[in-house]
Amino acid sequence: MRDDAEPAHAEPASPLEPACAHEPHAPRPAREASPPIVVERAAALFRALGDTARLSLLERLAGGEYCVTELAEATGEGLSTISQRLRTLRSERLLRRRRVGKHVYYTLADHHVVDLIRSALEHAQEQH
């Protein structure tokens, strides 16, 4: 063996390089990355969820359908404030609405949103 040859199992090149990079592991199934537009939409969704007042509205709506007036009364906020928050959430397709006369009723868009809100709140309650 030549003196300048590297050993078969060399130490990591730097302390930042993970040791597991040199260890064999089971092959992982190939998974294609999401298209950039999908990642951008998901990021926008998380930005909309990142506001505590909007998240509180979504949590309330997870319990059923509410009209804007009911949401304003329940939160102690003005109608225009609630409407703005709902508009933001609706623009990210988190809500559905229906109109009955002068009243507009909102509900979560689908089960994905319900699951997302419940999972986020459950995760936040866990002690790590």
N, C-alpha and C. Protein backbone atom coordinates (compact mmCIF):
# COMPACT_ATOMS: atom_id res chain seq x y z
N MET A 1 0.84 -1.17 0.00
CA MET A 1 0.00 0.00 0.00
C MET A 1 0.88 1.23 0.00
N ARG A 2 0.51 2.25 -0.80
CA ARG A 2 1.31 3.47 -0.85
C ARG A 2 1.05 4.30 0.40
N ASP A 3 2.06 5.07 0.80
CA ASP A 3 1.93 5.90 1.99
C ASP A 3 0.92 7.02 1.81
N ASP A 4 0.74 7.51 0.56
CA ASP A 4 -0.16 8.65 0.34
C ASP A 4 -1.60 8.23 0.07
N ALA A 5 -1.88 6.94 0.08
CA ALA A 5 -3.25 6.47 -0.16
C ALA A 5 -4.11 6.73 1.07
N GLU A 6 -5.38 7.11 0.83
CA GLU A 6 -6.29 7.37 1.94
C GLU A 6 -6.82 6.05 2.46
N PRO A 7 -7.04 5.96 3.77
CA PRO A 7 -7.64 4.74 4.31
C PRO A 7 -9.08 4.61 3.80
N ALA A 8 -9.59 3.40 3.81
CA ALA A 8 -10.93 3.13 3.28
C ALA A 8 -12.01 3.90 4.03
N HIS A 9 -11.88 4.06 5.33
CA HIS A 9 -12.88 4.78 6.13
C HIS A 9 -12.24 6.00 6.76
N ALA A 10 -12.09 7.05 5.97
CA ALA A 10 -11.46 8.28 6.44
C ALA A 10 -12.39 9.01 7.40
N GLU A 11 -11.80 9.77 8.30
CA GLU A 11 -12.56 10.61 9.21
C GLU A 11 -13.22 11.73 8.40
N PRO A 12 -14.28 12.33 8.92
CA PRO A 12 -14.92 13.45 8.22
C PRO A 12 -13.90 14.55 7.93
N ALA A 13 -14.07 15.20 6.79
CA ALA A 13 -13.14 16.24 6.36
C ALA A 13 -13.16 17.43 7.31
N SER A 14 -14.30 17.73 7.90
CA SER A 14 -14.38 18.84 8.84
C SER A 14 -15.34 18.46 9.95
N PRO A 15 -15.29 19.18 11.08
CA PRO A 15 -16.20 18.86 12.17
C PRO A 15 -17.67 19.13 11.79
N LEU A 16 -17.89 19.92 10.75
CA LEU A 16 -19.25 20.23 10.33
C LEU A 16 -19.85 19.15 9.44
N GLU A 17 -19.00 18.33 8.85
CA GLU A 17 -19.48 17.28 7.97
C GLU A 17 -20.03 16.14 8.83
N PRO A 18 -21.25 15.68 8.56
CA PRO A 18 -21.83 14.63 9.40
C PRO A 18 -21.10 13.31 9.22
N ALA A 19 -20.93 12.61 10.31
CA ALA A 19 -20.25 11.31 10.26
C ALA A 19 -21.05 10.31 9.44
N CYS A 20 -22.37 10.45 9.44
CA CYS A 20 -23.21 9.47 8.73
C CYS A 20 -23.03 9.57 7.22
N ALA A 21 -22.42 10.62 6.72
CA ALA A 21 -22.20 10.75 5.28
C ALA A 21 -21.26 9.66 4.78
N HIS A 22 -20.46 9.11 5.68
CA HIS A 22 -19.49 8.09 5.30
C HIS A 22 -19.96 6.67 5.61
N GLU A 23 -21.10 6.59 6.30
CA GLU A 23 -21.61 5.28 6.68
C GLU A 23 -22.67 4.84 5.69
N PRO A 24 -22.67 3.57 5.34
CA PRO A 24 -23.70 3.09 4.41
C PRO A 24 -25.07 3.12 5.08
N HIS A 25 -26.09 3.37 4.30
CA HIS A 25 -27.45 3.34 4.81
C HIS A 25 -28.37 2.79 3.73
N ALA A 26 -29.54 2.44 4.15
CA ALA A 26 -30.51 1.88 3.20
C ALA A 26 -30.89 2.96 2.19
N PRO A 27 -31.05 2.60 0.94
CA PRO A 27 -31.44 3.59 -0.05
C PRO A 27 -32.82 4.16 0.27
N ARG A 28 -32.97 5.44 0.05
CA ARG A 28 -34.24 6.11 0.29
C ARG A 28 -35.03 6.15 -1.00
N PRO A 29 -36.34 6.01 -0.89
CA PRO A 29 -37.14 6.09 -2.11
C PRO A 29 -37.04 7.49 -2.72
N ALA A 30 -36.96 7.51 -4.03
CA ALA A 30 -36.84 8.80 -4.71
C ALA A 30 -38.16 9.55 -4.58
N ARG A 31 -38.08 10.82 -4.24
CA ARG A 31 -39.25 11.67 -4.16
C ARG A 31 -38.91 12.97 -4.86
N GLU A 32 -39.71 13.28 -5.83
CA GLU A 32 -39.46 14.52 -6.56
C GLU A 32 -39.84 15.71 -5.70
N ALA A 33 -39.07 16.77 -5.80
CA ALA A 33 -39.38 18.00 -5.09
C ALA A 33 -40.62 18.63 -5.72
N SER A 34 -41.37 19.32 -4.90
CA SER A 34 -42.55 20.02 -5.40
C SER A 34 -42.12 21.12 -6.36
N PRO A 35 -42.95 21.41 -7.35
CA PRO A 35 -42.63 22.51 -8.26
C PRO A 35 -42.53 23.83 -7.49
N PRO A 36 -41.68 24.75 -7.92
CA PRO A 36 -41.50 26.02 -7.22
C PRO A 36 -42.80 26.78 -6.95
N ILE A 37 -43.75 26.73 -7.86
CA ILE A 37 -45.01 27.46 -7.65
C ILE A 37 -45.78 26.88 -6.47
N VAL A 38 -45.70 25.56 -6.28
CA VAL A 38 -46.37 24.92 -5.16
C VAL A 38 -45.70 25.32 -3.84
N VAL A 39 -44.39 25.36 -3.84
CA VAL A 39 -43.65 25.77 -2.63
C VAL A 39 -43.98 27.22 -2.30
N GLU A 40 -44.07 28.07 -3.30
CA GLU A 40 -44.42 29.48 -3.09
C GLU A 40 -45.82 29.61 -2.50
N ARG A 41 -46.77 28.85 -3.02
CA ARG A 41 -48.15 28.89 -2.49
C ARG A 41 -48.19 28.42 -1.04
N ALA A 42 -47.44 27.36 -0.74
CA ALA A 42 -47.40 26.85 0.63
C ALA A 42 -46.78 27.89 1.57
N ALA A 43 -45.75 28.58 1.12
CA ALA A 43 -45.13 29.61 1.94
C ALA A 43 -46.11 30.75 2.20
N ALA A 44 -46.89 31.13 1.20
CA ALA A 44 -47.90 32.17 1.37
C ALA A 44 -48.96 31.72 2.37
N LEU A 45 -49.32 30.47 2.31
CA LEU A 45 -50.29 29.92 3.25
C LEU A 45 -49.75 30.02 4.68
N PHE A 46 -48.48 29.66 4.88
CA PHE A 46 -47.90 29.76 6.22
C PHE A 46 -47.77 31.20 6.68
N ARG A 47 -47.51 32.12 5.77
CA ARG A 47 -47.49 33.53 6.15
C ARG A 47 -48.86 33.96 6.65
N ALA A 48 -49.92 33.54 5.97
CA ALA A 48 -51.27 33.88 6.40
C ALA A 48 -51.59 33.27 7.76
N LEU A 49 -51.10 32.08 8.01
CA LEU A 49 -51.33 31.41 9.28
C LEU A 49 -50.47 31.99 10.40
N GLY A 50 -49.43 32.74 10.05
CA GLY A 50 -48.46 33.23 11.02
C GLY A 50 -48.94 34.38 11.89
N ASP A 51 -50.11 34.89 11.65
CA ASP A 51 -50.67 35.98 12.45
C ASP A 51 -51.59 35.38 13.51
N THR A 52 -51.38 35.73 14.78
CA THR A 52 -52.17 35.12 15.85
C THR A 52 -53.66 35.42 15.73
N ALA A 53 -54.03 36.61 15.32
CA ALA A 53 -55.45 36.94 15.19
C ALA A 53 -56.10 36.12 14.08
N ARG A 54 -55.41 35.96 12.96
CA ARG A 54 -55.97 35.15 11.87
C ARG A 54 -56.04 33.67 12.27
N LEU A 55 -55.01 33.19 12.96
CA LEU A 55 -55.01 31.80 13.41
C LEU A 55 -56.15 31.56 14.40
N SER A 56 -56.40 32.52 15.27
CA SER A 56 -57.53 32.40 16.21
C SER A 56 -58.86 32.32 15.47
N LEU A 57 -59.00 33.11 14.42
CA LEU A 57 -60.23 33.03 13.61
C LEU A 57 -60.37 31.65 12.99
N LEU A 58 -59.29 31.13 12.46
CA LEU A 58 -59.33 29.80 11.85
C LEU A 58 -59.67 28.73 12.88
N GLU A 59 -59.13 28.86 14.08
CA GLU A 59 -59.45 27.90 15.13
C GLU A 59 -60.94 27.94 15.44
N ARG A 60 -61.50 29.13 15.53
CA ARG A 60 -62.93 29.27 15.79
C ARG A 60 -63.74 28.65 14.65
N LEU A 61 -63.32 28.92 13.41
CA LEU A 61 -64.03 28.40 12.24
C LEU A 61 -63.90 26.88 12.10
N ALA A 62 -62.91 26.30 12.76
CA ALA A 62 -62.79 24.84 12.76
C ALA A 62 -63.98 24.20 13.47
N GLY A 63 -64.66 25.00 14.30
CA GLY A 63 -65.83 24.51 15.02
C GLY A 63 -67.12 24.65 14.24
N GLY A 64 -67.08 25.28 13.08
CA GLY A 64 -68.28 25.43 12.27
C GLY A 64 -68.35 26.76 11.56
N GLU A 65 -69.46 27.00 10.94
CA GLU A 65 -69.66 28.19 10.11
C GLU A 65 -70.09 29.38 10.97
N TYR A 66 -69.55 30.55 10.65
CA TYR A 66 -69.89 31.79 11.35
C TYR A 66 -70.08 32.90 10.33
N CYS A 67 -70.97 33.84 10.67
CA CYS A 67 -71.07 35.04 9.84
C CYS A 67 -70.10 36.08 10.42
N VAL A 68 -69.81 37.09 9.64
CA VAL A 68 -68.84 38.11 10.04
C VAL A 68 -69.27 38.78 11.34
N THR A 69 -70.55 39.05 11.47
CA THR A 69 -71.07 39.70 12.68
C THR A 69 -70.81 38.84 13.92
N GLU A 70 -71.05 37.55 13.81
CA GLU A 70 -70.80 36.64 14.93
C GLU A 70 -69.33 36.62 15.31
N LEU A 71 -68.46 36.61 14.30
CA LEU A 71 -67.02 36.61 14.57
C LEU A 71 -66.58 37.91 15.25
N ALA A 72 -67.13 39.03 14.80
CA ALA A 72 -66.79 40.31 15.41
C ALA A 72 -67.25 40.35 16.87
N GLU A 73 -68.46 39.87 17.13
CA GLU A 73 -68.96 39.86 18.51
C GLU A 73 -68.14 38.92 19.38
N ALA A 74 -67.80 37.75 18.87
CA ALA A 74 -67.06 36.77 19.65
C ALA A 74 -65.65 37.23 19.99
N THR A 75 -65.04 38.01 19.09
CA THR A 75 -63.66 38.44 19.30
C THR A 75 -63.54 39.84 19.89
N GLY A 76 -64.64 40.59 19.86
CA GLY A 76 -64.59 41.97 20.34
C GLY A 76 -63.90 42.90 19.36
N GLU A 77 -63.75 42.48 18.13
CA GLU A 77 -63.10 43.27 17.08
C GLU A 77 -64.18 43.94 16.22
N GLY A 78 -63.78 44.95 15.48
CA GLY A 78 -64.70 45.62 14.57
C GLY A 78 -64.95 44.80 13.32
N LEU A 79 -66.07 45.06 12.68
CA LEU A 79 -66.43 44.35 11.46
C LEU A 79 -65.37 44.51 10.37
N SER A 80 -64.83 45.72 10.22
CA SER A 80 -63.83 45.94 9.16
C SER A 80 -62.54 45.18 9.44
N THR A 81 -62.15 45.08 10.71
CA THR A 81 -60.95 44.33 11.08
C THR A 81 -61.13 42.84 10.77
N ILE A 82 -62.27 42.31 11.18
CA ILE A 82 -62.56 40.89 10.92
C ILE A 82 -62.64 40.65 9.41
N SER A 83 -63.30 41.53 8.70
CA SER A 83 -63.43 41.37 7.24
C SER A 83 -62.08 41.35 6.56
N GLN A 84 -61.16 42.21 6.99
CA GLN A 84 -59.82 42.24 6.40
C GLN A 84 -59.09 40.93 6.65
N ARG A 85 -59.18 40.43 7.86
CA ARG A 85 -58.52 39.15 8.18
C ARG A 85 -59.12 38.01 7.36
N LEU A 86 -60.43 38.00 7.26
CA LEU A 86 -61.09 36.96 6.48
C LEU A 86 -60.70 37.05 5.01
N ARG A 87 -60.57 38.26 4.50
CA ARG A 87 -60.17 38.46 3.10
C ARG A 87 -58.78 37.87 2.85
N THR A 88 -57.87 38.11 3.78
CA THR A 88 -56.51 37.55 3.66
C THR A 88 -56.55 36.03 3.66
N LEU A 89 -57.31 35.46 4.58
CA LEU A 89 -57.40 34.00 4.67
C LEU A 89 -58.09 33.41 3.44
N ARG A 90 -59.09 34.10 2.95
CA ARG A 90 -59.79 33.61 1.76
C ARG A 90 -58.89 33.69 0.53
N SER A 91 -58.06 34.72 0.44
CA SER A 91 -57.16 34.85 -0.71
C SER A 91 -56.16 33.70 -0.78
N GLU A 92 -55.88 33.07 0.35
CA GLU A 92 -54.98 31.91 0.39
C GLU A 92 -55.76 30.60 0.31
N ARG A 93 -57.04 30.70 0.00
CA ARG A 93 -57.93 29.55 -0.20
C ARG A 93 -58.08 28.70 1.06
N LEU A 94 -58.02 29.36 2.22
CA LEU A 94 -58.21 28.67 3.48
C LEU A 94 -59.68 28.66 3.90
N LEU A 95 -60.49 29.55 3.30
CA LEU A 95 -61.89 29.70 3.67
C LEU A 95 -62.80 29.61 2.46
N ARG A 96 -64.05 29.23 2.75
CA ARG A 96 -65.14 29.33 1.78
C ARG A 96 -66.15 30.29 2.38
N ARG A 97 -66.92 30.92 1.51
CA ARG A 97 -67.96 31.81 2.03
C ARG A 97 -69.24 31.61 1.24
N ARG A 98 -70.32 31.96 1.89
CA ARG A 98 -71.61 31.96 1.22
C ARG A 98 -72.40 33.14 1.73
N ARG A 99 -73.22 33.69 0.87
CA ARG A 99 -74.01 34.86 1.20
C ARG A 99 -75.47 34.45 1.37
N VAL A 100 -76.07 34.96 2.45
CA VAL A 100 -77.50 34.78 2.70
C VAL A 100 -78.04 36.17 3.03
N GLY A 101 -78.70 36.78 2.06
CA GLY A 101 -79.17 38.16 2.26
C GLY A 101 -77.99 39.08 2.47
N LYS A 102 -78.00 39.79 3.60
CA LYS A 102 -76.91 40.73 3.92
C LYS A 102 -75.75 40.05 4.63
N HIS A 103 -75.95 38.83 5.05
CA HIS A 103 -74.92 38.14 5.84
C HIS A 103 -74.02 37.28 4.96
N VAL A 104 -72.73 37.29 5.30
CA VAL A 104 -71.76 36.44 4.64
C VAL A 104 -71.23 35.47 5.68
N TYR A 105 -71.35 34.17 5.38
CA TYR A 105 -70.92 33.12 6.28
C TYR A 105 -69.61 32.51 5.79
N TYR A 106 -68.72 32.25 6.75
CA TYR A 106 -67.42 31.68 6.43
C TYR A 106 -67.25 30.33 7.12
N THR A 107 -66.53 29.45 6.45
CA THR A 107 -66.16 28.15 7.00
C THR A 107 -64.80 27.78 6.42
N LEU A 108 -64.14 26.84 7.07
CA LEU A 108 -62.85 26.39 6.54
C LEU A 108 -63.05 25.72 5.19
N ALA A 109 -62.09 25.89 4.31
CA ALA A 109 -62.23 25.46 2.92
C ALA A 109 -62.40 23.96 2.78
N ASP A 110 -61.65 23.17 3.53
CA ASP A 110 -61.74 21.72 3.39
C ASP A 110 -61.06 21.05 4.58
N HIS A 111 -61.06 19.72 4.55
CA HIS A 111 -60.49 18.97 5.68
C HIS A 111 -58.99 19.20 5.84
N HIS A 112 -58.28 19.56 4.76
CA HIS A 112 -56.84 19.82 4.88
C HIS A 112 -56.59 20.99 5.82
N VAL A 113 -57.40 22.02 5.70
CA VAL A 113 -57.24 23.20 6.55
C VAL A 113 -57.57 22.84 8.00
N VAL A 114 -58.64 22.09 8.20
CA VAL A 114 -59.00 21.64 9.55
C VAL A 114 -57.83 20.87 10.15
N ASP A 115 -57.28 19.92 9.40
CA ASP A 115 -56.17 19.11 9.89
C ASP A 115 -54.94 19.96 10.17
N LEU A 116 -54.66 20.91 9.30
CA LEU A 116 -53.50 21.77 9.46
C LEU A 116 -53.60 22.60 10.74
N ILE A 117 -54.76 23.21 10.97
CA ILE A 117 -54.96 24.04 12.16
C ILE A 117 -54.87 23.19 13.42
N ARG A 118 -55.57 22.08 13.43
CA ARG A 118 -55.56 21.22 14.62
C ARG A 118 -54.16 20.68 14.90
N SER A 119 -53.46 20.25 13.85
CA SER A 119 -52.10 19.73 14.03
C SER A 119 -51.15 20.80 14.57
N ALA A 120 -51.26 22.01 14.04
CA ALA A 120 -50.38 23.10 14.49
C ALA A 120 -50.63 23.41 15.96
N LEU A 121 -51.89 23.48 16.35
CA LEU A 121 -52.20 23.81 17.75
C LEU A 121 -51.83 22.66 18.68
N GLU A 122 -52.04 21.42 18.26
CA GLU A 122 -51.64 20.27 19.08
C GLU A 122 -50.12 20.25 19.24
N HIS A 123 -49.41 20.50 18.15
CA HIS A 123 -47.95 20.51 18.22
C HIS A 123 -47.46 21.61 19.16
N ALA A 124 -48.11 22.77 19.12
CA ALA A 124 -47.70 23.88 19.98
C ALA A 124 -47.95 23.57 21.46
N GLN A 125 -48.90 22.69 21.76
CA GLN A 125 -49.20 22.33 23.15
C GLN A 125 -48.25 21.28 23.71
N GLU A 126 -47.58 20.54 22.82
CA GLU A 126 -46.68 19.49 23.27
C GLU A 126 -45.47 20.09 23.98
N GLN A 127 -45.04 19.38 24.98
CA GLN A 127 -43.82 19.81 25.69
C GLN A 127 -42.67 18.97 25.18
N HIS A 128 -41.67 19.63 24.65
CA HIS A 128 -40.51 18.91 24.08
C HIS A 128 -39.33 19.03 24.99
